[in-house]
């Protein structure tokens, strides 16, 4: 089981959390002006980064907080976390 470091509760078992995927770029300010292909790319395509990237995590069975976790997709190393600030999309 993957031990996940919640910034509020400390290290807890992975089963208490929900991973909501990578942190997305900001939502386009005027999606109506985008082409269908560009909008579909923003909605569907993800980087699927090999190595370190930022993910959104929710401590669903704990404190209920959202936070950003840096995870290495190769080694599964979890890097220091920060509480979620602003719009996580």
C-alpha atoms as a PDB file:
ATOM      1  CA  UNK A   1       0.000   0.000   0.000  1.00  0.00           C
ATOM      2  CA  UNK A   2       1.240   3.466  -0.888  1.00  0.00           C
ATOM      3  CA  UNK A   3       1.690   5.744   2.164  1.00  0.00           C
ATOM      4  CA  UNK A   4       0.342   9.183   1.186  1.00  0.00           C
ATOM      5  CA  UNK A   5       1.490  12.295   3.120  1.00  0.00           C
ATOM      6  CA  UNK A   6      -1.559  14.467   3.840  1.00  0.00           C
ATOM      7  CA  UNK A   7      -0.387  17.999   4.731  1.00  0.00           C
ATOM      8  CA  UNK A   8      -3.014  18.117   7.498  1.00  0.00           C
ATOM      9  CA  UNK A   9      -3.172  14.538   8.884  1.00  0.00           C
ATOM     10  CA  UNK A  10       0.319  13.225   8.215  1.00  0.00           C
ATOM     11  CA  UNK A  11       1.096   9.974   6.426  1.00  0.00           C
ATOM     12  CA  UNK A  12      -2.015   7.865   5.864  1.00  0.00           C
ATOM     13  CA  UNK A  13      -2.782   4.738   3.770  1.00  0.00           C
ATOM     14  CA  UNK A  14      -3.587   5.212   0.099  1.00  0.00           C
ATOM     15  CA  UNK A  15      -7.071   3.717   0.587  1.00  0.00           C
ATOM     16  CA  UNK A  16      -8.164   6.925   2.365  1.00  0.00           C
ATOM     17  CA  UNK A  17      -7.501   9.054  -0.733  1.00  0.00           C
ATOM     18  CA  UNK A  18      -8.854   9.683  -4.205  1.00  0.00           C
ATOM     19  CA  UNK A  19      -6.405  10.744  -6.919  1.00  0.00           C
ATOM     20  CA  UNK A  20      -8.066  13.196  -9.301  1.00  0.00           C
ATOM     21  CA  UNK A  21      -5.275  13.213 -11.870  1.00  0.00           C
ATOM     22  CA  UNK A  22      -2.687  15.704 -12.929  1.00  0.00           C
ATOM     23  CA  UNK A  23      -3.041  19.396 -12.213  1.00  0.00           C
ATOM     24  CA  UNK A  24      -4.421  20.963 -15.370  1.00  0.00           C
ATOM     25  CA  UNK A  25      -3.400  24.207 -17.020  1.00  0.00           C
ATOM     26  CA  UNK A  26      -5.799  27.102 -16.371  1.00  0.00           C
ATOM     27  CA  UNK A  27      -9.211  26.830 -18.017  1.00  0.00           C
ATOM     28  CA  UNK A  28      -9.332  28.844 -21.256  1.00  0.00           C
ATOM     29  CA  UNK A  29     -10.853  32.275 -20.630  1.00  0.00           C
ATOM     30  CA  UNK A  30     -13.090  32.079 -23.712  1.00  0.00           C
ATOM     31  CA  UNK A  31     -13.827  28.460 -24.659  1.00  0.00           C
ATOM     32  CA  UNK A  32     -16.430  29.620 -27.185  1.00  0.00           C
ATOM     33  CA  UNK A  33     -13.645  31.190 -29.258  1.00  0.00           C
ATOM     34  CA  UNK A  34     -11.683  27.933 -29.426  1.00  0.00           C
ATOM     35  CA  UNK A  35     -11.907  25.488 -32.282  1.00  0.00           C
ATOM     36  CA  UNK A  36     -13.575  22.171 -31.531  1.00  0.00           C
ATOM     37  CA  UNK A  37     -10.225  20.415 -31.876  1.00  0.00           C
ATOM     38  CA  UNK A  38      -8.470  22.811 -29.465  1.00  0.00           C
ATOM     39  CA  UNK A  39     -11.277  22.479 -26.913  1.00  0.00           C
ATOM     40  CA  UNK A  40     -11.238  18.674 -27.190  1.00  0.00           C
ATOM     41  CA  UNK A  41      -7.466  18.708 -26.670  1.00  0.00           C
ATOM     42  CA  UNK A  42      -7.825  20.786 -23.494  1.00  0.00           C
ATOM     43  CA  UNK A  43     -10.672  18.643 -22.119  1.00  0.00           C
ATOM     44  CA  UNK A  44      -9.325  15.182 -23.000  1.00  0.00           C
ATOM     45  CA  UNK A  45      -5.579  15.150 -23.587  1.00  0.00           C
ATOM     46  CA  UNK A  46      -3.196  14.874 -20.660  1.00  0.00           C
ATOM     47  CA  UNK A  47       0.590  14.976 -20.648  1.00  0.00           C
ATOM     48  CA  UNK A  48       1.049  11.524 -19.068  1.00  0.00           C
ATOM     49  CA  UNK A  49       4.467  12.661 -17.894  1.00  0.00           C
ATOM     50  CA  UNK A  50       7.168  10.100 -17.211  1.00  0.00           C
ATOM     51  CA  UNK A  51       8.827  11.198 -13.998  1.00  0.00           C
ATOM     52  CA  UNK A  52       7.756  13.945 -11.611  1.00  0.00           C
ATOM     53  CA  UNK A  53       4.447  15.707 -12.045  1.00  0.00           C
ATOM     54  CA  UNK A  54       1.791  17.378  -9.900  1.00  0.00           C
ATOM     55  CA  UNK A  55      -1.431  15.537  -9.076  1.00  0.00           C
ATOM     56  CA  UNK A  56      -4.610  16.570  -7.248  1.00  0.00           C
ATOM     57  CA  UNK A  57      -5.488  14.364  -4.272  1.00  0.00           C
ATOM     58  CA  UNK A  58      -8.551  14.381  -2.011  1.00  0.00           C
ATOM     59  CA  UNK A  59      -8.420  12.962   1.502  1.00  0.00           C
ATOM     60  CA  UNK A  60     -11.925  11.534   1.110  1.00  0.00           C
ATOM     61  CA  UNK A  61     -11.844   9.233   4.127  1.00  0.00           C
ATOM     62  CA  UNK A  62      -9.986  11.638   6.368  1.00  0.00           C
ATOM     63  CA  UNK A  63      -9.970  15.411   6.748  1.00  0.00           C
ATOM     64  CA  UNK A  64     -11.728  16.003   3.401  1.00  0.00           C
ATOM     65  CA  UNK A  65      -9.049  18.393   2.164  1.00  0.00           C
ATOM     66  CA  UNK A  66      -7.720  18.721  -1.366  1.00  0.00           C
ATOM     67  CA  UNK A  67      -3.990  19.092  -1.893  1.00  0.00           C
ATOM     68  CA  UNK A  68      -1.369  18.904  -4.602  1.00  0.00           C
ATOM     69  CA  UNK A  69       1.102  16.058  -4.433  1.00  0.00           C
ATOM     70  CA  UNK A  70       4.260  15.749  -6.494  1.00  0.00           C
ATOM     71  CA  UNK A  71       4.626  12.123  -7.594  1.00  0.00           C
ATOM     72  CA  UNK A  72       7.278  10.403  -9.661  1.00  0.00           C
ATOM     73  CA  UNK A  73       5.440   8.088 -12.065  1.00  0.00           C
ATOM     74  CA  UNK A  74       8.513   5.893 -12.504  1.00  0.00           C
ATOM     75  CA  UNK A  75       9.518   5.333  -8.878  1.00  0.00           C
ATOM     76  CA  UNK A  76       6.188   6.262  -7.186  1.00  0.00           C
ATOM     77  CA  UNK A  77       8.183   8.496  -4.853  1.00  0.00           C
ATOM     78  CA  UNK A  78       5.874  11.037  -3.224  1.00  0.00           C
ATOM     79  CA  UNK A  79       7.350  14.494  -2.800  1.00  0.00           C
ATOM     80  CA  UNK A  80       6.338  17.207  -0.292  1.00  0.00           C
ATOM     81  CA  UNK A  81       2.725  18.310  -0.506  1.00  0.00           C
ATOM     82  CA  UNK A  82       0.993  21.669  -0.458  1.00  0.00           C
ATOM     83  CA  UNK A  83      -2.616  22.401   0.382  1.00  0.00           C
ATOM     84  CA  UNK A  84      -4.655  23.174  -2.709  1.00  0.00           C
ATOM     85  CA  UNK A  85      -4.811  26.876  -3.409  1.00  0.00           C
ATOM     86  CA  UNK A  86      -7.001  28.496  -6.013  1.00  0.00           C
ATOM     87  CA  UNK A  87      -8.776  26.771  -8.868  1.00  0.00           C
ATOM     88  CA  UNK A  88      -7.550  23.213  -9.383  1.00  0.00           C
ATOM     89  CA  UNK A  89      -9.854  22.692 -12.364  1.00  0.00           C
END
